[in-house]
Amino acid sequence: MSIYVGNLSYQVEQDDLRRVFAEYGTVKSVQMPVDRETGRVRGFAFVEMGTEAEEAAAIEALDSAEWMGRNLKVNKAKPKTDGGGSFGGGGRRGNNGGGYSRRY
């Protein structure tokens, strides 16, 4: 299981997160998703710790903590579900994608 870290400053780098979370145990990985169009980090990350006890300690200490001018949102990451897409209904796009019918 991993930890979701939200409301990050756009200046945060992986090494910054690794240092902060290392205070609570072994950091196995840090993933910072990047926007496909801009190449910029998206303001959230996923951190995987060595044990669940380390994860719990990091979550308790860092949730709502102020860091780099932002109040962090830190909790257990929800498992990724298959399908869905960004529209929540299978990711359907194209004709009639806005919930209305186009008539020409």
PDB file of N, CA and C in Angstrom:
ATOM      1  N   MET A   1       0.844  -1.185   0.000  1.00  0.00           N
ATOM      2  CA  MET A   1       0.000   0.000   0.000  1.00  0.00           C
ATOM      3  C   MET A   1       0.881   1.237   0.000  1.00  0.00           C
ATOM      4  N   SER A   2       0.387   2.298  -0.573  1.00  0.00           N
ATOM      5  CA  SER A   2       1.174   3.519  -0.594  1.00  0.00           C
ATOM      6  C   SER A   2       0.368   4.674  -0.002  1.00  0.00           C
ATOM      7  N   ILE A   3       1.051   5.803   0.123  1.00  0.00           N
ATOM      8  CA  ILE A   3       0.481   7.001   0.725  1.00  0.00           C
ATOM      9  C   ILE A   3       0.239   8.027  -0.375  1.00  0.00           C
ATOM     10  N   TYR A   4      -0.924   8.650  -0.345  1.00  0.00           N
ATOM     11  CA  TYR A   4      -1.230   9.762  -1.231  1.00  0.00           C
ATOM     12  C   TYR A   4      -0.819  11.047  -0.524  1.00  0.00           C
ATOM     13  N   VAL A   5      -0.101  11.910  -1.231  1.00  0.00           N
ATOM     14  CA  VAL A   5       0.318  13.198  -0.679  1.00  0.00           C
ATOM     15  C   VAL A   5      -0.198  14.274  -1.627  1.00  0.00           C
ATOM     16  N   GLY A   6      -1.160  15.053  -1.170  1.00  0.00           N
ATOM     17  CA  GLY A   6      -1.773  16.065  -2.016  1.00  0.00           C
ATOM     18  C   GLY A   6      -1.494  17.475  -1.557  1.00  0.00           C
ATOM     19  N   ASN A   7      -1.853  18.424  -2.404  1.00  0.00           N
ATOM     20  CA  ASN A   7      -1.677  19.853  -2.182  1.00  0.00           C
ATOM     21  C   ASN A   7      -0.201  20.229  -2.072  1.00  0.00           C
ATOM     22  N   LEU A   8       0.624  19.589  -2.908  1.00  0.00           N
ATOM     23  CA  LEU A   8       2.055  19.876  -2.915  1.00  0.00           C
ATOM     24  C   LEU A   8       2.358  21.149  -3.688  1.00  0.00           C
ATOM     25  N   SER A   9       3.388  21.832  -3.261  1.00  0.00           N
ATOM     26  CA  SER A   9       3.918  22.954  -4.011  1.00  0.00           C
ATOM     27  C   SER A   9       4.462  22.424  -5.333  1.00  0.00           C
ATOM     28  N   TYR A  10       4.352  23.214  -6.387  1.00  0.00           N
ATOM     29  CA  TYR A  10       4.865  22.784  -7.685  1.00  0.00           C
ATOM     30  C   TYR A  10       6.394  22.795  -7.735  1.00  0.00           C
ATOM     31  N   GLN A  11       7.040  23.345  -6.701  1.00  0.00           N
ATOM     32  CA  GLN A  11       8.491  23.349  -6.643  1.00  0.00           C
ATOM     33  C   GLN A  11       9.059  22.088  -5.976  1.00  0.00           C
ATOM     34  N   VAL A  12       8.209  21.243  -5.400  1.00  0.00           N
ATOM     35  CA  VAL A  12       8.663  20.040  -4.707  1.00  0.00           C
ATOM     36  C   VAL A  12       9.247  19.053  -5.712  1.00  0.00           C
ATOM     37  N   GLU A  13      10.342  18.424  -5.327  1.00  0.00           N
ATOM     38  CA  GLU A  13      10.963  17.382  -6.145  1.00  0.00           C
ATOM     39  C   GLU A  13      10.961  16.070  -5.370  1.00  0.00           C
ATOM     40  N   GLN A  14      11.214  14.974  -6.071  1.00  0.00           N
ATOM     41  CA  GLN A  14      11.190  13.648  -5.439  1.00  0.00           C
ATOM     42  C   GLN A  14      12.128  13.575  -4.239  1.00  0.00           C
ATOM     43  N   ASP A  15      13.320  14.131  -4.355  1.00  0.00           N
ATOM     44  CA  ASP A  15      14.266  14.074  -3.244  1.00  0.00           C
ATOM     45  C   ASP A  15      13.759  14.817  -2.012  1.00  0.00           C
ATOM     46  N   ASP A  16      13.016  15.916  -2.223  1.00  0.00           N
ATOM     47  CA  ASP A  16      12.421  16.649  -1.098  1.00  0.00           C
ATOM     48  C   ASP A  16      11.456  15.747  -0.336  1.00  0.00           C
ATOM     49  N   LEU A  17      10.574  15.075  -1.073  1.00  0.00           N
ATOM     50  CA  LEU A  17       9.607  14.174  -0.434  1.00  0.00           C
ATOM     51  C   LEU A  17      10.303  13.012   0.251  1.00  0.00           C
ATOM     52  N   ARG A  18      11.296  12.463  -0.405  1.00  0.00           N
ATOM     53  CA  ARG A  18      12.041  11.336   0.161  1.00  0.00           C
ATOM     54  C   ARG A  18      12.649  11.726   1.515  1.00  0.00           C
ATOM     55  N   ARG A  19      13.244  12.924   1.593  1.00  0.00           N
ATOM     56  CA  ARG A  19      13.844  13.385   2.856  1.00  0.00           C
ATOM     57  C   ARG A  19      12.804  13.544   3.967  1.00  0.00           C
ATOM     58  N   VAL A  20      11.665  14.147   3.632  1.00  0.00           N
ATOM     59  CA  VAL A  20      10.621  14.368   4.641  1.00  0.00           C
ATOM     60  C   VAL A  20      10.071  13.042   5.158  1.00  0.00           C
ATOM     61  N   PHE A  21       9.755  12.134   4.261  1.00  0.00           N
ATOM     62  CA  PHE A  21       9.158  10.859   4.680  1.00  0.00           C
ATOM     63  C   PHE A  21      10.185   9.932   5.321  1.00  0.00           C
ATOM     64  N   ALA A  22      11.468  10.084   5.017  1.00  0.00           N
ATOM     65  CA  ALA A  22      12.513   9.242   5.621  1.00  0.00           C
ATOM     66  C   ALA A  22      12.601   9.450   7.129  1.00  0.00           C
ATOM     67  N   GLU A  23      12.097  10.557   7.625  1.00  0.00           N
ATOM     68  CA  GLU A  23      12.072  10.792   9.076  1.00  0.00           C
ATOM     69  C   GLU A  23      11.158   9.784   9.785  1.00  0.00           C
ATOM     70  N   TYR A  24      10.287   9.118   9.030  1.00  0.00           N
ATOM     71  CA  TYR A  24       9.325   8.187   9.619  1.00  0.00           C
ATOM     72  C   TYR A  24       9.599   6.738   9.244  1.00  0.00           C
ATOM     73  N   GLY A  25      10.685   6.485   8.502  1.00  0.00           N
ATOM     74  CA  GLY A  25      11.041   5.112   8.153  1.00  0.00           C
ATOM     75  C   GLY A  25      11.666   5.027   6.770  1.00  0.00           C
ATOM     76  N   THR A  26      11.689   3.813   6.259  1.00  0.00           N
ATOM     77  CA  THR A  26      12.299   3.535   4.962  1.00  0.00           C
ATOM     78  C   THR A  26      11.350   3.931   3.833  1.00  0.00           C
ATOM     79  N   VAL A  27      11.829   4.757   2.929  1.00  0.00           N
ATOM     80  CA  VAL A  27      11.046   5.152   1.765  1.00  0.00           C
ATOM     81  C   VAL A  27      11.438   4.227   0.613  1.00  0.00           C
ATOM     82  N   LYS A  28      10.488   3.407   0.170  1.00  0.00           N
ATOM     83  CA  LYS A  28      10.756   2.469  -0.927  1.00  0.00           C
ATOM     84  C   LYS A  28      10.656   3.139  -2.284  1.00  0.00           C
ATOM     85  N   SER A  29       9.696   4.046  -2.452  1.00  0.00           N
ATOM     86  CA  SER A  29       9.560   4.739  -3.736  1.00  0.00           C
ATOM     87  C   SER A  29       8.773   6.029  -3.572  1.00  0.00           C
ATOM     88  N   VAL A  30       9.005   6.945  -4.512  1.00  0.00           N
ATOM     89  CA  VAL A  30       8.264   8.199  -4.602  1.00  0.00           C
ATOM     90  C   VAL A  30       7.876   8.371  -6.061  1.00  0.00           C
ATOM     91  N   GLN A  31       6.584   8.571  -6.304  1.00  0.00           N
ATOM     92  CA  GLN A  31       6.088   8.793  -7.670  1.00  0.00           C
ATOM     93  C   GLN A  31       5.361  10.124  -7.713  1.00  0.00           C
ATOM     94  N   MET A  32       5.767  10.971  -8.644  1.00  0.00           N
ATOM     95  CA  MET A  32       5.131  12.274  -8.824  1.00  0.00           C
ATOM     96  C   MET A  32       4.581  12.341 -10.250  1.00  0.00           C
ATOM     97  N   PRO A  33       3.267  12.124 -10.428  1.00  0.00           N
ATOM     98  CA  PRO A  33       2.690  12.170 -11.767  1.00  0.00           C
ATOM     99  C   PRO A  33       2.906  13.524 -12.436  1.00  0.00           C
ATOM    100  N   VAL A  34       3.130  13.463 -13.740  1.00  0.00           N
ATOM    101  CA  VAL A  34       3.400  14.653 -14.539  1.00  0.00           C
ATOM    102  C   VAL A  34       2.270  14.848 -15.548  1.00  0.00           C
ATOM    103  N   ASP A  35       1.863  16.081 -15.756  1.00  0.00           N
ATOM    104  CA  ASP A  35       0.851  16.394 -16.743  1.00  0.00           C
ATOM    105  C   ASP A  35       1.405  16.111 -18.136  1.00  0.00           C
ATOM    106  N   ARG A  36       0.666  15.359 -18.932  1.00  0.00           N
ATOM    107  CA  ARG A  36       1.134  14.978 -20.269  1.00  0.00           C
ATOM    108  C   ARG A  36       1.326  16.167 -21.198  1.00  0.00           C
ATOM    109  N   GLU A  37       0.473  17.159 -21.074  1.00  0.00           N
ATOM    110  CA  GLU A  37       0.540  18.295 -21.989  1.00  0.00           C
ATOM    111  C   GLU A  37       1.614  19.303 -21.613  1.00  0.00           C
ATOM    112  N   THR A  38       1.753  19.593 -20.318  1.00  0.00           N
ATOM    113  CA  THR A  38       2.686  20.642 -19.900  1.00  0.00           C
ATOM    114  C   THR A  38       4.027  20.096 -19.416  1.00  0.00           C
ATOM    115  N   GLY A  39       4.072  18.808 -19.030  1.00  0.00           N
ATOM    116  CA  GLY A  39       5.297  18.234 -18.486  1.00  0.00           C
ATOM    117  C   GLY A  39       5.565  18.665 -17.054  1.00  0.00           C
ATOM    118  N   ARG A  40       4.623  19.352 -16.459  1.00  0.00           N
ATOM    119  CA  ARG A  40       4.746  19.873 -15.095  1.00  0.00           C
ATOM    120  C   ARG A  40       4.155  18.877 -14.099  1.00  0.00           C
ATOM    121  N   VAL A  41       4.733  18.827 -12.883  1.00  0.00           N
ATOM    122  CA  VAL A  41       4.161  17.947 -11.860  1.00  0.00           C
ATOM    123  C   VAL A  41       2.749  18.411 -11.554  1.00  0.00           C
ATOM    124  N   ARG A  42       1.913  17.481 -11.112  1.00  0.00           N
ATOM    125  CA  ARG A  42       0.485  17.754 -10.968  1.00  0.00           C
ATOM    126  C   ARG A  42       0.054  18.166  -9.571  1.00  0.00           C
ATOM    127  N   GLY A  43       0.992  18.301  -8.638  1.00  0.00           N
ATOM    128  CA  GLY A  43       0.640  18.788  -7.305  1.00  0.00           C
ATOM    129  C   GLY A  43       0.298  17.694  -6.314  1.00  0.00           C
ATOM    130  N   PHE A  44       0.548  16.442  -6.683  1.00  0.00           N
ATOM    131  CA  PHE A  44       0.358  15.343  -5.743  1.00  0.00           C
ATOM    132  C   PHE A  44       1.390  14.272  -6.032  1.00  0.00           C
ATOM    133  N   ALA A  45       1.524  13.328  -5.084  1.00  0.00           N
ATOM    134  CA  ALA A  45       2.517  12.263  -5.232  1.00  0.00           C
ATOM    135  C   ALA A  45       2.053  11.032  -4.478  1.00  0.00           C
ATOM    136  N   PHE A  46       2.760   9.929  -4.715  1.00  0.00           N
ATOM    137  CA  PHE A  46       2.536   8.689  -3.992  1.00  0.00           C
ATOM    138  C   PHE A  46       3.868   8.259  -3.394  1.00  0.00           C
ATOM    139  N   VAL A  47       3.843   7.943  -2.116  1.00  0.00           N
ATOM    140  CA  VAL A  47       5.052   7.521  -1.404  1.00  0.00           C
ATOM    141  C   VAL A  47       4.802   6.132  -0.835  1.00  0.00           C
ATOM    142  N   GLU A  48       5.727   5.230  -1.076  1.00  0.00           N
ATOM    143  CA  GLU A  48       5.627   3.880  -0.523  1.00  0.00           C
ATOM    144  C   GLU A  48       6.681   3.731   0.565  1.00  0.00           C
ATOM    145  N   MET A  49       6.234   3.332   1.751  1.00  0.00           N
ATOM    146  CA  MET A  49       7.127   3.161   2.899  1.00  0.00           C
ATOM    147  C   MET A  49       7.431   1.671   3.092  1.00  0.00           C
ATOM    148  N   GLY A  50       8.412   1.395   3.944  1.00  0.00           N
ATOM    149  CA  GLY A  50       8.847   0.024   4.185  1.00  0.00           C
ATOM    150  C   GLY A  50       7.821  -0.843   4.897  1.00  0.00           C
ATOM    151  N   THR A  51       7.104  -0.265   5.869  1.00  0.00           N
ATOM    152  CA  THR A  51       6.111  -1.041   6.624  1.00  0.00           C
ATOM    153  C   THR A  51       4.828  -0.216   6.805  1.00  0.00           C
ATOM    154  N   GLU A  52       3.763  -0.905   7.164  1.00  0.00           N
ATOM    155  CA  GLU A  52       2.506  -0.202   7.423  1.00  0.00           C
ATOM    156  C   GLU A  52       2.616   0.690   8.648  1.00  0.00           C
ATOM    157  N   ALA A  53       3.406   0.288   9.636  1.00  0.00           N
ATOM    158  CA  ALA A  53       3.597   1.116  10.830  1.00  0.00           C
ATOM    159  C   ALA A  53       4.287   2.433  10.466  1.00  0.00           C
ATOM    160  N   GLU A  54       5.261   2.361   9.546  1.00  0.00           N
ATOM    161  CA  GLU A  54       5.938   3.577   9.091  1.00  0.00           C
ATOM    162  C   GLU A  54       4.969   4.470   8.311  1.00  0.00           C
ATOM    163  N   GLU A  55       4.144   3.849   7.490  1.00  0.00           N
ATOM    164  CA  GLU A  55       3.130   4.611   6.749  1.00  0.00           C
ATOM    165  C   GLU A  55       2.193   5.329   7.713  1.00  0.00           C
ATOM    166  N   ALA A  56       1.708   4.611   8.720  1.00  0.00           N
ATOM    167  CA  ALA A  56       0.785   5.189   9.682  1.00  0.00           C
ATOM    168  C   ALA A  56       1.429   6.355  10.426  1.00  0.00           C
ATOM    169  N   ALA A  57       2.693   6.220  10.799  1.00  0.00           N
ATOM    170  CA  ALA A  57       3.393   7.290  11.511  1.00  0.00           C
ATOM    171  C   ALA A  57       3.537   8.529  10.625  1.00  0.00           C
ATOM    172  N   ALA A  58       3.875   8.313   9.352  1.00  0.00           N
ATOM    173  CA  ALA A  58       4.031   9.435   8.425  1.00  0.00           C
ATOM    174  C   ALA A  58       2.695  10.137   8.188  1.00  0.00           C
ATOM    175  N   ILE A  59       1.640   9.366   8.005  1.00  0.00           N
ATOM    176  CA  ILE A  59       0.309   9.949   7.781  1.00  0.00           C
ATOM    177  C   ILE A  59      -0.116  10.772   8.986  1.00  0.00           C
ATOM    178  N   GLU A  60       0.043  10.212  10.167  1.00  0.00           N
ATOM    179  CA  GLU A  60      -0.372  10.914  11.389  1.00  0.00           C
ATOM    180  C   GLU A  60       0.405  12.217  11.566  1.00  0.00           C
ATOM    181  N   ALA A  61       1.697  12.185  11.295  1.00  0.00           N
ATOM    182  CA  ALA A  61       2.532  13.360  11.511  1.00  0.00           C
ATOM    183  C   ALA A  61       2.358  14.429  10.428  1.00  0.00           C
ATOM    184  N   LEU A  62       2.119  14.015   9.194  1.00  0.00           N
ATOM    185  CA  LEU A  62       2.173  14.967   8.087  1.00  0.00           C
ATOM    186  C   LEU A  62       0.828  15.434   7.546  1.00  0.00           C
ATOM    187  N   ASP A  63      -0.265  14.728   7.842  1.00  0.00           N
ATOM    188  CA  ASP A  63      -1.566  15.165   7.342  1.00  0.00           C
ATOM    189  C   ASP A  63      -1.900  16.527   7.944  1.00  0.00           C
ATOM    190  N   SER A  64      -2.211  17.482   7.094  1.00  0.00           N
ATOM    191  CA  SER A  64      -2.544  18.870   7.458  1.00  0.00           C
ATOM    192  C   SER A  64      -1.333  19.694   7.880  1.00  0.00           C
ATOM    193  N   ALA A  65      -0.132  19.125   7.822  1.00  0.00           N
ATOM    194  CA  ALA A  65       1.073  19.876   8.178  1.00  0.00           C
ATOM    195  C   ALA A  65       1.364  20.914   7.092  1.00  0.00           C
ATOM    196  N   GLU A  66       1.880  22.055   7.504  1.00  0.00           N
ATOM    197  CA  GLU A  66       2.255  23.098   6.556  1.00  0.00           C
ATOM    198  C   GLU A  66       3.677  22.832   6.080  1.00  0.00           C
ATOM    199  N   TRP A  67       3.853  22.775   4.759  1.00  0.00           N
ATOM    200  CA  TRP A  67       5.171  22.514   4.176  1.00  0.00           C
ATOM    201  C   TRP A  67       5.286  23.259   2.861  1.00  0.00           C
ATOM    202  N   MET A  68       6.296  24.055   2.722  1.00  0.00           N
ATOM    203  CA  MET A  68       6.549  24.855   1.524  1.00  0.00           C
ATOM    204  C   MET A  68       5.344  25.732   1.178  1.00  0.00           C
ATOM    205  N   GLY A  69       4.729  26.302   2.222  1.00  0.00           N
ATOM    206  CA  GLY A  69       3.614  27.220   2.008  1.00  0.00           C
ATOM    207  C   GLY A  69       2.272  26.573   1.744  1.00  0.00           C
ATOM    208  N   ARG A  70       2.194  25.263   1.880  1.00  0.00           N
ATOM    209  CA  ARG A  70       0.934  24.543   1.616  1.00  0.00           C
ATOM    210  C   ARG A  70       0.592  23.635   2.793  1.00  0.00           C
ATOM    211  N   ASN A  71      -0.703  23.418   3.026  1.00  0.00           N
ATOM    212  CA  ASN A  71      -1.143  22.435   4.013  1.00  0.00           C
ATOM    213  C   ASN A  71      -1.318  21.105   3.297  1.00  0.00           C
ATOM    214  N   LEU A  72      -0.500  20.140   3.663  1.00  0.00           N
ATOM    215  CA  LEU A  72      -0.501  18.843   2.996  1.00  0.00           C
ATOM    216  C   LEU A  72      -1.761  18.054   3.294  1.00  0.00           C
ATOM    217  N   LYS A  73      -2.162  17.246   2.333  1.00  0.00           N
ATOM    218  CA  LYS A  73      -3.225  16.256   2.512  1.00  0.00           C
ATOM    219  C   LYS A  73      -2.547  14.903   2.365  1.00  0.00           C
ATOM    220  N   VAL A  74      -2.453  14.153   3.460  1.00  0.00           N
ATOM    221  CA  VAL A  74      -1.719  12.890   3.457  1.00  0.00           C
ATOM    222  C   VAL A  74      -2.628  11.789   3.993  1.00  0.00           C
ATOM    223  N   ASN A  75      -2.838  10.742   3.186  1.00  0.00           N
ATOM    224  CA  ASN A  75      -3.642   9.605   3.629  1.00  0.00           C
ATOM    225  C   ASN A  75      -3.266   8.367   2.829  1.00  0.00           C
ATOM    226  N   LYS A  76      -3.834   7.231   3.213  1.00  0.00           N
ATOM    227  CA  LYS A  76      -3.586   5.999   2.459  1.00  0.00           C
ATOM    228  C   LYS A  76      -4.139   6.158   1.057  1.00  0.00           C
ATOM    229  N   ALA A  77      -3.350   5.756   0.086  1.00  0.00           N
ATOM    230  CA  ALA A  77      -3.803   5.841  -1.304  1.00  0.00           C
ATOM    231  C   ALA A  77      -4.891   4.810  -1.534  1.00  0.00           C
ATOM    232  N   LYS A  78      -5.881   5.194  -2.318  1.00  0.00           N
ATOM    233  CA  LYS A  78      -6.941   4.254  -2.677  1.00  0.00           C
ATOM    234  C   LYS A  78      -6.438   3.388  -3.822  1.00  0.00           C
ATOM    235  N   PRO A  79      -6.783   2.116  -3.815  1.00  0.00           N
ATOM    236  CA  PRO A  79      -6.336   1.244  -4.901  1.00  0.00           C
ATOM    237  C   PRO A  79      -6.842   1.741  -6.247  1.00  0.00           C
ATOM    238  N   LYS A  80      -5.993   1.625  -7.251  1.00  0.00           N
ATOM    239  CA  LYS A  80      -6.360   2.027  -8.605  1.00  0.00           C
ATOM    240  C   LYS A  80      -7.382   1.035  -9.147  1.00  0.00           C
ATOM    241  N   THR A  81      -8.452   1.561  -9.733  1.00  0.00           N
ATOM    242  CA  THR A  81      -9.470   0.689 -10.311  1.00  0.00           C
ATOM    243  C   THR A  81      -9.299   0.649 -11.814  1.00  0.00           C
ATOM    244  N   ASP A  82      -9.647  -0.466 -12.420  1.00  0.00           N
ATOM    245  CA  ASP A  82      -9.560  -0.600 -13.865  1.00  0.00           C
ATOM    246  C   ASP A  82     -10.696   0.163 -14.517  1.00  0.00           C
ATOM    247  N   GLY A  83     -10.416   0.730 -15.678  1.00  0.00           N
ATOM    248  CA  GLY A  83     -11.452   1.440 -16.425  1.00  0.00           C
ATOM    249  C   GLY A  83     -11.815   2.732 -15.740  1.00  0.00           C
ATOM    250  N   GLY A  84     -12.931   3.278 -16.122  1.00  0.00           N
ATOM    251  CA  GLY A  84     -13.409   4.488 -15.468  1.00  0.00           C
ATOM    252  C   GLY A  84     -12.965   5.746 -16.160  1.00  0.00           C
ATOM    253  N   GLY A  85     -11.691   5.902 -16.398  1.00  0.00           N
ATOM    254  CA  GLY A  85     -11.209   7.126 -17.014  1.00  0.00           C
ATOM    255  C   GLY A  85     -11.539   8.333 -16.170  1.00  0.00           C
ATOM    256  N   SER A  86     -11.283   9.510 -16.696  1.00  0.00           N
ATOM    257  CA  SER A  86     -11.499  10.723 -15.917  1.00  0.00           C
ATOM    258  C   SER A  86     -12.959  11.139 -15.853  1.00  0.00           C
ATOM    259  N   PHE A  87     -13.823  10.472 -16.604  1.00  0.00           N
ATOM    260  CA  PHE A  87     -15.230  10.825 -16.595  1.00  0.00           C
ATOM    261  C   PHE A  87     -16.050   9.894 -15.707  1.00  0.00           C
ATOM    262  N   GLY A  88     -15.426   8.897 -15.116  1.00  0.00           N
ATOM    263  CA  GLY A  88     -16.101   8.034 -14.168  1.00  0.00           C
ATOM    264  C   GLY A  88     -17.070   7.036 -14.767  1.00  0.00           C
ATOM    265  N   GLY A  89     -17.249   7.033 -16.059  1.00  0.00           N
ATOM    266  CA  GLY A  89     -18.212   6.125 -16.652  1.00  0.00           C
ATOM    267  C   GLY A  89     -17.623   5.371 -17.833  1.00  0.00           C
ATOM    268  N   GLY A  90     -16.399   4.938 -17.717  1.00  0.00           N
ATOM    269  CA  GLY A  90     -15.778   4.203 -18.791  1.00  0.00           C
ATOM    270  C   GLY A  90     -14.893   5.060 -19.673  1.00  0.00           C
ATOM    271  N   GLY A  91     -14.795   6.333 -19.366  1.00  0.00           N
ATOM    272  CA  GLY A  91     -13.921   7.216 -20.112  1.00  0.00           C
ATOM    273  C   GLY A  91     -14.387   7.496 -21.530  1.00  0.00           C
ATOM    274  N   ARG A  92     -15.689   7.428 -21.761  1.00  0.00           N
ATOM    275  CA  ARG A  92     -16.239   7.644 -23.097  1.00  0.00           C
ATOM    276  C   ARG A  92     -16.037   9.083 -23.546  1.00  0.00           C
ATOM    277  N   ARG A  93     -15.523   9.232 -24.745  1.00  0.00           N
ATOM    278  CA  ARG A  93     -15.344  10.562 -25.309  1.00  0.00           C
ATOM    279  C   ARG A  93     -15.860  10.561 -26.730  1.00  0.00           C
ATOM    280  N   GLY A  94     -15.988  11.731 -27.282  1.00  0.00           N
ATOM    281  CA  GLY A  94     -16.408  11.811 -28.677  1.00  0.00           C
ATOM    282  C   GLY A  94     -17.841  12.264 -28.784  1.00  0.00           C
ATOM    283  N   ASN A  95     -18.588  11.674 -29.702  1.00  0.00           N
ATOM    284  CA  ASN A  95     -19.969  12.072 -29.931  1.00  0.00           C
ATOM    285  C   ASN A  95     -20.774  11.990 -28.655  1.00  0.00           C
ATOM    286  N   ASN A  96     -21.560  12.999 -28.422  1.00  0.00           N
ATOM    287  CA  ASN A  96     -22.435  13.055 -27.248  1.00  0.00           C
ATOM    288  C   ASN A  96     -21.669  13.004 -25.938  1.00  0.00           C
ATOM    289  N   GLY A  97     -20.406  13.400 -25.938  1.00  0.00           N
ATOM    290  CA  GLY A  97     -19.575  13.294 -24.738  1.00  0.00           C
ATOM    291  C   GLY A  97     -19.964  14.218 -23.614  1.00  0.00           C
ATOM    292  N   GLY A  98     -20.738  15.256 -23.875  1.00  0.00           N
ATOM    293  CA  GLY A  98     -21.086  16.205 -22.823  1.00  0.00           C
ATOM    294  C   GLY A  98     -22.423  15.932 -22.193  1.00  0.00           C
ATOM    295  N   GLY A  99     -23.017  14.785 -22.459  1.00  0.00           N
ATOM    296  CA  GLY A  99     -24.310  14.463 -21.864  1.00  0.00           C
ATOM    297  C   GLY A  99     -25.472  15.053 -22.621  1.00  0.00           C
ATOM    298  N   TYR A 100     -25.235  15.539 -23.817  1.00  0.00           N
ATOM    299  CA  TYR A 100     -26.314  16.086 -24.627  1.00  0.00           C
ATOM    300  C   TYR A 100     -26.159  15.574 -26.045  1.00  0.00           C
ATOM    301  N   SER A 101     -27.217  15.641 -26.778  1.00  0.00           N
ATOM    302  CA  SER A 101     -27.212  15.137 -28.150  1.00  0.00           C
ATOM    303  C   SER A 101     -27.001  16.293 -29.115  1.00  0.00           C
ATOM    304  N   ARG A 102     -26.103  16.086 -30.061  1.00  0.00           N
ATOM    305  CA  ARG A 102     -25.870  17.107 -31.087  1.00  0.00           C
ATOM    306  C   ARG A 102     -26.662  16.723 -32.329  1.00  0.00           C
ATOM    307  N   ARG A 103     -27.445  17.630 -32.779  1.00  0.00           N
ATOM    308  CA  ARG A 103     -28.229  17.379 -33.992  1.00  0.00           C
ATOM    309  C   ARG A 103     -27.829  18.414 -35.031  1.00  0.00           C
ATOM    310  N   TYR A 104     -27.592  17.912 -36.219  1.00  0.00           N
ATOM    311  CA  TYR A 104     -27.165  18.808 -37.294  1.00  0.00           C
ATOM    312  C   TYR A 104     -28.174  18.859 -38.388  1.00  0.00           C
TER     313      TYR A 104
END
